[in-house]
Amino acid sequence: MPEPVGPVYWGSYPGELLERVMSVLLFQERGTAWRRRPSQGDGGLDVGEPNARGYHVYQIKGFTGSMDSSRRRQVRNSFERILDDPRLDRPVTGWSLVVPIAGEVEEACQRAAAALTVGRDRRSPRVIHRVRDFRGQLDPRRHGQCVRQLDEQLLNVVLNP
């Protein structure tokens, strides 16, 4: 059974309820954000927040426990759908995955690496820049292997566009 995250044992609630709770928490912090209900066919966008250049998109998943390959695939598919969403009148300038899972740097690195692959395949400079920004937040002394892997992938994207 997964470890509790904070004072709430998230694994005891259904995923749909978790997604609603997390969207409410986002709205408390993000006054201009709006929600696309799953019944509308969210297309990979659960909460959108307008900014000067476009939208920051929040993909909310009610996952508890660890991120297995099936969950990673769901996240990757949601990420790819949002890049092609014709309902958005401005570009996606940022993307965040919101899950009630204790953050592990290695898992975040894996998600960043997957996003970088999608960004390279779609020739999306915004995605590549976001991964580079994430990489810049990591401390090479504490996250050595992760930093080396992302550095190699970023270099490969630059040298082999």
Foldseek 3Di string as FASTA:
>chain_A
DADAQPPDNLVVDDWVVVQVVVVVVVCVVAVQKDADDVVNVCQLAGIWHDDPQFIAGERETADEDDQDPVNLVVNLRSVVRQQVDPVGPGGHQHYYYDYSYPDDPVVVLVSLLSQLVVCLVVVPVSSLVVSVVVLVVDDCVVVVVSNVVSVVSNVCSVVPD
